[in-house]
Amino acid sequence: MTTELRPLRPGDWDEWYGNLELAFGGVAEAPEERALWRELTEPERSLAAWDGNRMVGSAGAFSFRITVPGGALVPAAGVTMVGVLPTHRRRGVLRAMMRRQLAEVRALGEPLAVLTASEPEIYGRFGYGIATHDLFAEIDTDRVRLDTPEGTDAVRLRIARPAESAEALAACEAVYAARVASRPGMLARAPGWERLAPLDPPAERAGASPMQCVLAESDGGEVLGYARYAVRPDWDMAGPRGTVILRDMEALAPDAYAALWRFLFEIDLTSTVKVRSCPVDAPWQHMVSDIRRCRVRVRDALHVRLVEVGAALEARTYAAPVDLVLDVRDAFCPWNEGRWRLTGDAQRATCVRTDDGAPADLRLGVRDLGAAYLGGVTLTALAGAGRVAELRPGALAQASAAFRSDAAPWLPHGF
């Protein structure tokens, strides 16, 4: 490879982002979306690949904090804006950017790197494992009914009008912030990121209405939850068959959650609720009368990479007591190679290198450690795929029980 990697200069952002659009097919993003990404970009954490005086590749990172099992917020590099021009693919440009980026993440002391992939097969070779999944659904609200809990009728619902947008945004962010620690994979939103969820470029509505917001409130006016959604009207010879498109929802209590779902089900002139993303253990699945008519699908979401194995495994807690020696393979980041002694429980954990001669209990690659890290993918399942080797009888069951998370990990939005 003859290309040179350099930090992004702020004055080169337009070319840098334009190359990224070209690498993803050449369709320009809406001006509102492009402007927001420009503001959120961290130039000092962004790389440009140059071939002479031509920029041919890009890779960036956001400074995130992500919830891990146990509720701690752990620094993580949110890898983003990765692209190589078609003229320079398969020349090692991507590999060079990934190698330099991970070295820089390590130098910053961030134990994790995370990303969402355009194609899931790309990043496994760099040590990223699929750690969370998104659930999608298309619910036939003509045929499916909801069984709501006691107290649902007492929840008040209020449409947030455009004039109330600032108030509604602040209320939604307060609910979101209160929910972050409850589920691994959720991101603590730094200032500016609250603008991403309500971003609603007209060019991307595909016939749907502008985004709308409904707030769930207590009798005293406390906001207990929200749903942001759009409606796509449609009609046929039998009458209206519009679609409610749920963009995002959070709630602090089951009755508020149920009230929001019932509201979406009962919007006039619609017969479908389309769920764009929710956790795989989303409670609404246990409220519907017929899950088969909800057309549920699952897709990979957050890919996790342990940049510093010891620090990452110490940052989370474990659902069951664990005391194991892990033989970790990591050819791409060789500082992680070797045997690690992990001890921990639901309160704390330690993970240190060990050379005491004790045999390892499990052997696995860092990619599979990343897949299991947030507790949504079991080590038992990975072992069944031949990706984790049990070296001591009983060690796999102990480790798999320890790594699990009570709440399925979930990434609430892309980056």
Protein backbone atom coordinates (compact mmCIF):
# COMPACT_ATOMS: atom_id res chain seq x y z
CA MET A 1 0.00 0.00 0.00
CA THR A 2 1.35 3.43 -0.96
CA THR A 3 -1.33 5.57 0.69
CA GLU A 4 -0.58 7.79 3.68
CA LEU A 5 -2.81 8.15 6.74
CA ARG A 6 -3.21 11.60 8.25
CA PRO A 7 -5.48 13.15 10.88
CA LEU A 8 -8.46 14.94 9.38
CA ARG A 9 -8.02 18.67 9.00
CA PRO A 10 -11.31 20.53 9.66
CA GLY A 11 -11.01 22.26 6.28
CA ASP A 12 -11.01 18.87 4.54
CA TRP A 13 -14.30 17.72 6.09
CA ASP A 14 -16.45 18.28 3.00
CA GLU A 15 -14.13 16.23 0.80
CA TRP A 16 -13.77 13.59 3.53
CA TYR A 17 -17.52 13.19 3.94
CA GLY A 18 -18.15 13.41 0.21
CA ASN A 19 -15.75 10.49 -0.30
CA LEU A 20 -17.69 8.55 2.31
CA GLU A 21 -20.95 9.19 0.44
CA LEU A 22 -19.28 8.04 -2.77
CA ALA A 23 -17.98 4.87 -1.09
CA PHE A 24 -21.58 4.11 -0.02
CA GLY A 25 -23.04 4.51 -3.49
CA GLY A 26 -22.85 8.21 -4.24
CA VAL A 27 -26.25 9.36 -2.95
CA ALA A 28 -25.88 12.64 -1.05
CA GLU A 29 -27.44 12.83 2.40
CA ALA A 30 -30.06 15.40 3.29
CA PRO A 31 -28.54 18.79 4.20
CA GLU A 32 -29.93 18.57 7.75
CA GLU A 33 -28.30 15.19 8.32
CA ARG A 34 -24.99 16.22 6.82
CA ALA A 35 -24.90 19.36 8.96
CA LEU A 36 -25.47 17.39 12.15
CA TRP A 37 -22.71 14.88 11.36
CA ARG A 38 -20.36 17.75 10.63
CA GLU A 39 -21.02 19.20 14.07
CA LEU A 40 -20.61 15.83 15.80
CA THR A 41 -17.42 14.81 13.98
CA GLU A 42 -14.30 14.81 16.16
CA PRO A 43 -11.52 15.79 13.71
CA GLU A 44 -8.75 14.80 16.09
CA ARG A 45 -10.19 11.25 16.12
CA SER A 46 -10.69 11.04 12.37
CA LEU A 47 -8.33 9.69 9.73
CA ALA A 48 -8.01 10.38 6.03
CA ALA A 49 -6.13 8.10 3.65
CA TRP A 50 -4.30 9.94 0.88
CA ASP A 51 -2.88 8.68 -2.41
CA GLY A 52 -0.68 11.61 -3.37
CA ASN A 53 -2.98 14.63 -3.36
CA ARG A 54 -6.19 12.56 -3.56
CA MET A 55 -8.17 11.55 -0.48
CA VAL A 56 -9.21 7.92 -0.94
CA GLY A 57 -10.37 6.66 2.46
CA SER A 58 -11.82 7.71 5.79
CA ALA A 59 -12.32 6.43 9.32
CA GLY A 60 -13.48 8.26 12.42
CA ALA A 61 -14.42 7.69 16.03
CA PHE A 62 -16.78 9.27 18.53
CA SER A 63 -15.99 9.51 22.24
CA PHE A 64 -18.77 7.47 23.82
CA ARG A 65 -19.63 5.98 27.17
CA ILE A 66 -21.53 2.71 26.91
CA THR A 67 -23.45 0.78 29.54
CA VAL A 68 -22.02 -2.65 30.37
CA PRO A 69 -23.47 -5.45 32.54
CA GLY A 70 -23.64 -4.13 36.09
CA GLY A 71 -24.66 -0.64 34.96
CA ALA A 72 -21.26 1.04 34.68
CA LEU A 73 -20.63 3.51 31.88
CA VAL A 74 -17.38 2.58 30.16
CA PRO A 75 -15.41 4.76 27.69
CA ALA A 76 -15.65 3.38 24.17
CA ALA A 77 -14.58 4.53 20.74
CA GLY A 78 -17.59 4.65 18.44
CA VAL A 79 -15.99 3.72 15.13
CA THR A 80 -17.72 5.48 12.27
CA MET A 81 -17.42 7.10 8.83
CA VAL A 82 -15.38 4.18 7.48
CA GLY A 83 -15.10 4.02 3.70
CA VAL A 84 -12.63 3.46 0.87
CA LEU A 85 -13.13 4.69 -2.67
CA PRO A 86 -13.88 1.94 -5.21
CA THR A 87 -10.58 2.68 -6.99
CA HIS A 88 -8.56 1.80 -3.88
CA ARG A 89 -10.28 -1.24 -2.43
CA ARG A 90 -8.33 -4.43 -1.67
CA ARG A 91 -5.08 -2.54 -1.32
CA GLY A 92 -4.85 -2.70 2.48
CA VAL A 93 -6.26 0.79 3.07
CA LEU A 94 -9.00 -0.40 5.43
CA ARG A 95 -6.63 -2.69 7.35
CA ALA A 96 -4.14 0.15 7.82
CA MET A 97 -6.84 2.50 9.10
CA MET A 98 -8.20 -0.13 11.50
CA ARG A 99 -4.74 -0.92 12.86
CA ARG A 100 -3.84 2.72 13.46
CA GLN A 101 -7.24 3.52 14.90
CA LEU A 102 -7.10 0.71 17.47
CA ALA A 103 -3.59 1.76 18.50
CA GLU A 104 -4.88 5.30 19.06
CA VAL A 105 -7.90 4.05 20.99
CA ARG A 106 -5.56 2.10 23.24
CA ALA A 107 -3.35 5.16 23.74
CA LEU A 108 -6.42 7.12 24.89
CA GLY A 109 -7.14 4.47 27.54
CA GLU A 110 -10.49 3.37 26.09
CA PRO A 111 -10.91 -0.38 26.70
CA LEU A 112 -13.59 -0.84 24.02
CA ALA A 113 -14.26 0.01 20.41
CA VAL A 114 -17.77 -0.41 18.98
CA LEU A 115 -19.35 -0.01 15.56
CA THR A 116 -22.33 -0.80 13.37
CA ALA A 117 -21.39 -2.51 10.13
CA SER A 118 -22.68 -1.91 6.63
CA GLU A 119 -21.95 -5.61 6.03
CA PRO A 120 -21.47 -7.95 9.02
CA GLU A 121 -18.62 -9.95 7.50
CA ILE A 122 -16.20 -7.02 7.24
CA TYR A 123 -15.04 -6.41 10.80
CA GLY A 124 -14.61 -9.87 12.30
CA ARG A 125 -11.09 -10.02 10.89
CA PHE A 126 -10.23 -6.96 13.00
CA GLY A 127 -11.54 -8.55 16.21
CA TYR A 128 -15.09 -7.17 16.33
CA GLY A 129 -17.84 -9.56 17.44
CA ILE A 130 -21.60 -9.13 17.02
CA ALA A 131 -22.77 -8.32 20.55
CA THR A 132 -26.29 -6.92 20.15
CA HIS A 133 -29.25 -7.49 17.86
CA ASP A 134 -32.15 -5.34 16.75
CA LEU A 135 -35.72 -6.61 16.63
CA PHE A 136 -37.96 -5.37 13.81
CA ALA A 137 -41.68 -6.01 13.50
CA GLU A 138 -44.73 -5.22 11.41
CA ILE A 139 -47.77 -5.65 13.64
CA ASP A 140 -51.20 -6.22 12.13
CA THR A 141 -53.23 -4.04 14.46
CA ASP A 142 -56.50 -5.13 12.82
CA ARG A 143 -55.93 -8.65 14.15
CA VAL A 144 -53.61 -8.23 17.15
CA ARG A 145 -54.83 -7.04 20.53
CA LEU A 146 -52.91 -5.79 23.56
CA ASP A 147 -53.21 -7.08 27.12
CA THR A 148 -52.24 -4.06 29.21
CA PRO A 149 -51.35 -4.04 32.93
CA GLU A 150 -53.31 -2.47 35.75
CA GLY A 151 -52.83 1.27 35.88
CA THR A 152 -52.60 1.81 32.14
CA ASP A 153 -55.87 3.78 32.05
CA ALA A 154 -54.51 6.24 34.64
CA VAL A 155 -51.65 7.35 32.41
CA ARG A 156 -52.29 10.61 30.60
CA LEU A 157 -51.12 11.04 27.02
CA ARG A 158 -50.24 14.35 25.41
CA ILE A 159 -49.24 15.13 21.85
CA ALA A 160 -46.24 17.46 21.84
CA ARG A 161 -47.06 20.25 19.40
CA PRO A 162 -44.35 21.90 17.27
CA ALA A 163 -44.38 24.93 19.58
CA GLU A 164 -43.55 22.57 22.46
CA SER A 165 -40.67 20.87 20.66
CA ALA A 166 -37.92 22.19 22.97
CA GLU A 167 -39.87 21.16 26.06
CA ALA A 168 -40.65 17.74 24.58
CA LEU A 169 -37.04 17.15 23.55
CA ALA A 170 -35.82 17.94 27.07
CA ALA A 171 -38.47 15.65 28.59
CA CYS A 172 -37.58 12.80 26.22
CA GLU A 173 -33.89 13.17 26.95
CA ALA A 174 -34.55 13.04 30.70
CA VAL A 175 -36.45 9.77 30.27
CA TYR A 176 -33.74 8.37 28.01
CA ALA A 177 -30.99 9.33 30.48
CA ALA A 178 -32.86 7.59 33.28
CA ARG A 179 -33.00 4.41 31.17
CA VAL A 180 -29.35 4.26 30.07
CA ALA A 181 -27.98 2.32 33.04
CA SER A 182 -30.72 -0.32 32.84
CA ARG A 183 -29.61 -2.00 29.61
CA PRO A 184 -26.13 -2.91 28.32
CA GLY A 185 -25.30 -1.39 24.97
CA MET A 186 -27.08 1.91 25.58
CA LEU A 187 -25.07 5.08 25.00
CA ALA A 188 -24.94 8.05 27.35
CA ARG A 189 -25.68 10.92 25.00
CA ALA A 190 -23.21 13.80 25.15
CA PRO A 191 -24.42 17.33 24.28
CA GLY A 192 -25.46 17.50 20.64
CA TRP A 193 -26.43 13.84 20.35
CA GLU A 194 -29.95 14.55 21.59
CA ARG A 195 -30.56 16.05 18.13
CA LEU A 196 -30.03 12.73 16.35
CA ALA A 197 -33.20 10.88 17.37
CA PRO A 198 -35.63 13.64 16.28
CA LEU A 199 -33.76 14.30 13.03
CA ASP A 200 -36.43 14.11 10.34
CA PRO A 201 -35.29 15.19 6.86
CA PRO A 202 -38.34 15.57 4.57
CA ALA A 203 -36.45 13.86 1.75
CA GLU A 204 -36.24 10.66 3.79
CA ARG A 205 -39.88 10.34 4.92
CA ALA A 206 -40.89 8.14 1.96
CA GLY A 207 -44.47 9.36 2.01
CA ALA A 208 -44.84 9.46 5.79
CA SER A 209 -45.85 12.43 7.89
CA PRO A 210 -43.39 14.63 9.76
CA MET A 211 -42.26 12.99 12.98
CA GLN A 212 -44.73 13.27 15.84
CA CYS A 213 -44.21 12.83 19.57
CA VAL A 214 -46.56 11.63 22.29
CA LEU A 215 -45.71 11.96 25.98
CA ALA A 216 -46.98 9.68 28.75
CA GLU A 217 -47.53 11.59 31.98
CA SER A 218 -48.60 10.96 35.56
CA ASP A 219 -51.54 12.79 37.12
CA GLY A 220 -49.03 15.29 38.46
CA GLY A 221 -47.61 16.04 35.02
CA GLU A 222 -44.37 14.06 35.37
CA VAL A 223 -43.24 12.67 32.02
CA LEU A 224 -43.00 8.88 32.35
CA GLY A 225 -42.29 8.00 28.75
CA TYR A 226 -42.45 9.02 25.12
CA ALA A 227 -42.89 7.65 21.63
CA ARG A 228 -41.71 9.34 18.46
CA TYR A 229 -43.44 8.14 15.33
CA ALA A 230 -44.74 9.01 11.88
CA VAL A 231 -47.85 7.95 9.96
CA ARG A 232 -47.80 6.83 6.33
CA PRO A 233 -51.37 7.10 4.99
CA ASP A 234 -52.63 4.49 2.53
CA TRP A 235 -55.99 3.36 1.18
CA ASP A 236 -57.34 0.52 -0.88
CA MET A 237 -60.84 -0.51 -2.03
CA ALA A 238 -61.63 -1.75 1.48
CA GLY A 239 -60.73 1.53 3.13
CA PRO A 240 -57.79 2.99 5.11
CA ARG A 241 -54.71 0.86 5.76
CA GLY A 242 -52.09 3.36 6.92
CA THR A 243 -48.89 2.47 8.77
CA VAL A 244 -47.59 3.86 12.05
CA ILE A 245 -43.80 3.94 11.94
CA LEU A 246 -42.34 3.84 15.44
CA ARG A 247 -39.03 5.68 15.50
CA ASP A 248 -38.15 5.31 19.18
CA MET A 249 -39.77 4.80 22.56
CA GLU A 250 -38.69 4.79 26.19
CA ALA A 251 -40.75 4.52 29.37
CA LEU A 252 -40.01 4.46 33.08
CA ALA A 253 -42.86 2.17 34.16
CA PRO A 254 -44.92 -0.69 32.68
CA ASP A 255 -48.18 1.28 32.72
CA ALA A 256 -46.66 4.17 30.77
CA TYR A 257 -45.07 1.72 28.32
CA ALA A 258 -48.41 -0.02 27.78
CA ALA A 259 -50.28 3.26 27.38
CA LEU A 260 -47.89 4.33 24.62
CA TRP A 261 -48.25 1.04 22.78
CA ARG A 262 -52.04 1.18 23.04
CA PHE A 263 -51.97 4.69 21.62
CA LEU A 264 -49.94 3.52 18.60
CA PHE A 265 -52.29 0.58 18.03
CA GLU A 266 -55.37 2.81 18.05
CA ILE A 267 -54.32 5.64 15.72
CA ASP A 268 -57.16 6.24 13.28
CA LEU A 269 -56.95 5.14 9.64
CA THR A 270 -54.04 2.75 10.27
CA SER A 271 -53.77 -1.04 10.37
CA THR A 272 -50.04 -1.64 10.91
CA VAL A 273 -47.45 -0.59 13.43
CA LYS A 274 -43.94 -0.85 12.01
CA VAL A 275 -41.20 -1.21 14.63
CA ARG A 276 -37.88 -0.07 13.25
CA SER A 277 -35.69 -1.17 16.17
CA CYS A 278 -36.19 -2.44 19.70
CA PRO A 279 -34.47 -4.90 22.07
CA VAL A 280 -34.93 -8.59 21.35
CA ASP A 281 -36.56 -8.95 24.78
CA ALA A 282 -38.93 -5.97 24.27
CA PRO A 283 -41.89 -6.39 26.67
CA TRP A 284 -44.54 -5.64 24.02
CA GLN A 285 -44.00 -9.19 22.70
CA HIS A 286 -45.68 -10.48 25.88
CA MET A 287 -48.60 -8.08 25.58
CA VAL A 288 -49.77 -9.00 22.07
CA SER A 289 -52.48 -11.57 21.42
CA ASP A 290 -50.78 -13.14 18.38
CA ILE A 291 -47.01 -12.86 17.99
CA ARG A 292 -47.18 -14.61 14.60
CA ARG A 293 -49.03 -11.65 13.13
CA CYS A 294 -46.25 -9.31 14.26
CA ARG A 295 -43.78 -10.50 11.58
CA VAL A 296 -40.77 -10.32 13.89
CA ARG A 297 -37.25 -10.24 12.40
CA VAL A 298 -33.83 -9.92 14.00
CA ARG A 299 -30.64 -8.38 12.62
CA ASP A 300 -27.14 -7.74 13.93
CA ALA A 301 -26.55 -4.31 15.45
CA LEU A 302 -23.58 -3.36 17.66
CA HIS A 303 -20.20 -4.98 17.03
CA VAL A 304 -17.84 -4.88 20.04
CA ARG A 305 -14.05 -5.05 20.12
CA LEU A 306 -12.05 -5.43 23.34
CA VAL A 307 -9.09 -3.10 22.88
CA GLU A 308 -7.67 -3.84 26.32
CA VAL A 309 -8.85 -7.25 27.47
CA GLY A 310 -7.98 -6.82 31.14
CA ALA A 311 -9.52 -3.36 31.56
CA ALA A 312 -12.64 -4.31 29.58
CA LEU A 313 -13.36 -7.46 31.58
CA GLU A 314 -12.77 -5.59 34.85
CA ALA A 315 -15.19 -2.82 33.85
CA ARG A 316 -18.28 -5.03 33.99
CA THR A 317 -19.73 -7.30 36.66
CA TYR A 318 -20.83 -10.92 36.36
CA ALA A 319 -24.18 -12.58 36.94
CA ALA A 320 -22.59 -15.54 38.74
CA PRO A 321 -19.25 -15.94 40.54
CA VAL A 322 -16.44 -16.63 38.10
CA ASP A 323 -12.80 -17.64 38.52
CA LEU A 324 -11.27 -18.69 35.22
CA VAL A 325 -8.11 -18.50 33.16
CA LEU A 326 -8.87 -17.41 29.59
CA ASP A 327 -6.44 -18.15 26.78
CA VAL A 328 -7.15 -15.23 24.44
CA ARG A 329 -6.12 -15.15 20.78
CA ASP A 330 -5.73 -11.73 19.15
CA ALA A 331 -3.43 -11.55 16.14
CA PHE A 332 -4.56 -8.05 15.15
CA CYS A 333 -3.83 -6.48 18.58
CA PRO A 334 -1.07 -8.74 19.92
CA TRP A 335 -0.91 -6.95 23.27
CA ASN A 336 -4.07 -8.89 24.17
CA GLU A 337 -2.61 -12.32 23.33
CA GLY A 338 -2.09 -14.74 26.20
CA ARG A 339 -3.65 -16.00 29.39
CA TRP A 340 -5.85 -13.82 31.59
CA ARG A 341 -7.13 -14.66 35.09
CA LEU A 342 -10.71 -13.39 35.46
CA THR A 343 -12.32 -13.37 38.89
CA GLY A 344 -15.56 -11.60 39.65
CA ASP A 345 -19.15 -11.57 40.81
CA ALA A 346 -22.12 -9.22 40.82
CA GLN A 347 -20.22 -6.51 42.71
CA ARG A 348 -16.72 -6.34 41.19
CA ALA A 349 -14.17 -8.05 38.99
CA THR A 350 -10.44 -8.27 38.34
CA CYS A 351 -8.68 -9.50 35.22
CA VAL A 352 -4.91 -9.73 35.11
CA ARG A 353 -2.31 -11.54 33.07
CA THR A 354 -1.18 -14.83 34.54
CA ASP A 355 1.99 -16.78 33.96
CA ASP A 356 1.77 -18.97 37.03
CA GLY A 357 1.68 -22.17 34.99
CA ALA A 358 -1.95 -22.96 35.79
CA PRO A 359 -3.71 -24.44 32.74
CA ALA A 360 -6.26 -22.32 30.91
CA ASP A 361 -9.96 -23.10 31.34
CA LEU A 362 -11.22 -21.69 28.02
CA ARG A 363 -9.56 -20.77 24.75
CA LEU A 364 -11.23 -18.18 22.53
CA GLY A 365 -10.54 -15.35 20.12
CA VAL A 366 -11.02 -11.70 21.01
CA ARG A 367 -13.81 -11.53 18.43
CA ASP A 368 -15.86 -14.04 20.40
CA LEU A 369 -15.02 -12.35 23.68
CA GLY A 370 -16.46 -9.18 22.15
CA ALA A 371 -19.61 -11.00 21.05
CA ALA A 372 -20.18 -12.29 24.60
CA TYR A 373 -19.07 -9.13 26.39
CA LEU A 374 -22.46 -7.40 26.80
CA GLY A 375 -24.23 -10.61 27.83
CA GLY A 376 -26.52 -11.09 24.86
CA VAL A 377 -24.57 -13.88 23.12
CA THR A 378 -23.72 -16.89 25.26
CA LEU A 379 -20.32 -18.52 25.36
CA THR A 380 -22.19 -21.83 25.18
CA ALA A 381 -23.61 -20.88 21.78
CA LEU A 382 -20.19 -19.79 20.55
CA ALA A 383 -18.69 -23.06 21.76
CA GLY A 384 -21.40 -24.92 19.86
CA ALA A 385 -20.20 -23.12 16.73
CA GLY A 386 -16.64 -24.26 17.44
CA ARG A 387 -15.47 -20.76 18.34
CA VAL A 388 -14.80 -21.34 22.06
CA ALA A 389 -12.88 -24.36 23.35
CA GLU A 390 -13.53 -25.74 26.83
CA LEU A 391 -10.21 -26.91 28.29
CA ARG A 392 -11.53 -27.85 31.76
CA PRO A 393 -14.83 -29.70 32.20
CA GLY A 394 -17.45 -27.38 33.68
CA ALA A 395 -15.60 -24.17 32.82
CA LEU A 396 -17.86 -23.34 29.87
CA ALA A 397 -21.07 -23.52 31.91
CA GLN A 398 -19.54 -21.38 34.65
CA ALA A 399 -18.32 -18.75 32.23
CA SER A 400 -21.50 -18.67 30.17
CA ALA A 401 -23.66 -18.17 33.28
CA ALA A 402 -21.35 -15.42 34.53
CA PHE A 403 -21.25 -13.43 31.30
CA ARG A 404 -25.01 -13.32 30.72
CA SER A 405 -27.07 -10.15 31.15
CA ASP A 406 -30.57 -10.13 32.62
CA ALA A 407 -31.63 -7.47 30.10
CA ALA A 408 -30.76 -8.12 26.47
CA PRO A 409 -28.15 -5.62 25.27
CA TRP A 410 -29.36 -3.12 22.73
CA LEU A 411 -28.04 -0.13 20.82
CA PRO A 412 -30.78 2.55 20.75
CA HIS A 413 -29.51 4.41 17.69
CA GLY A 414 -26.82 4.27 15.10
CA PHE A 415 -23.79 6.45 14.69
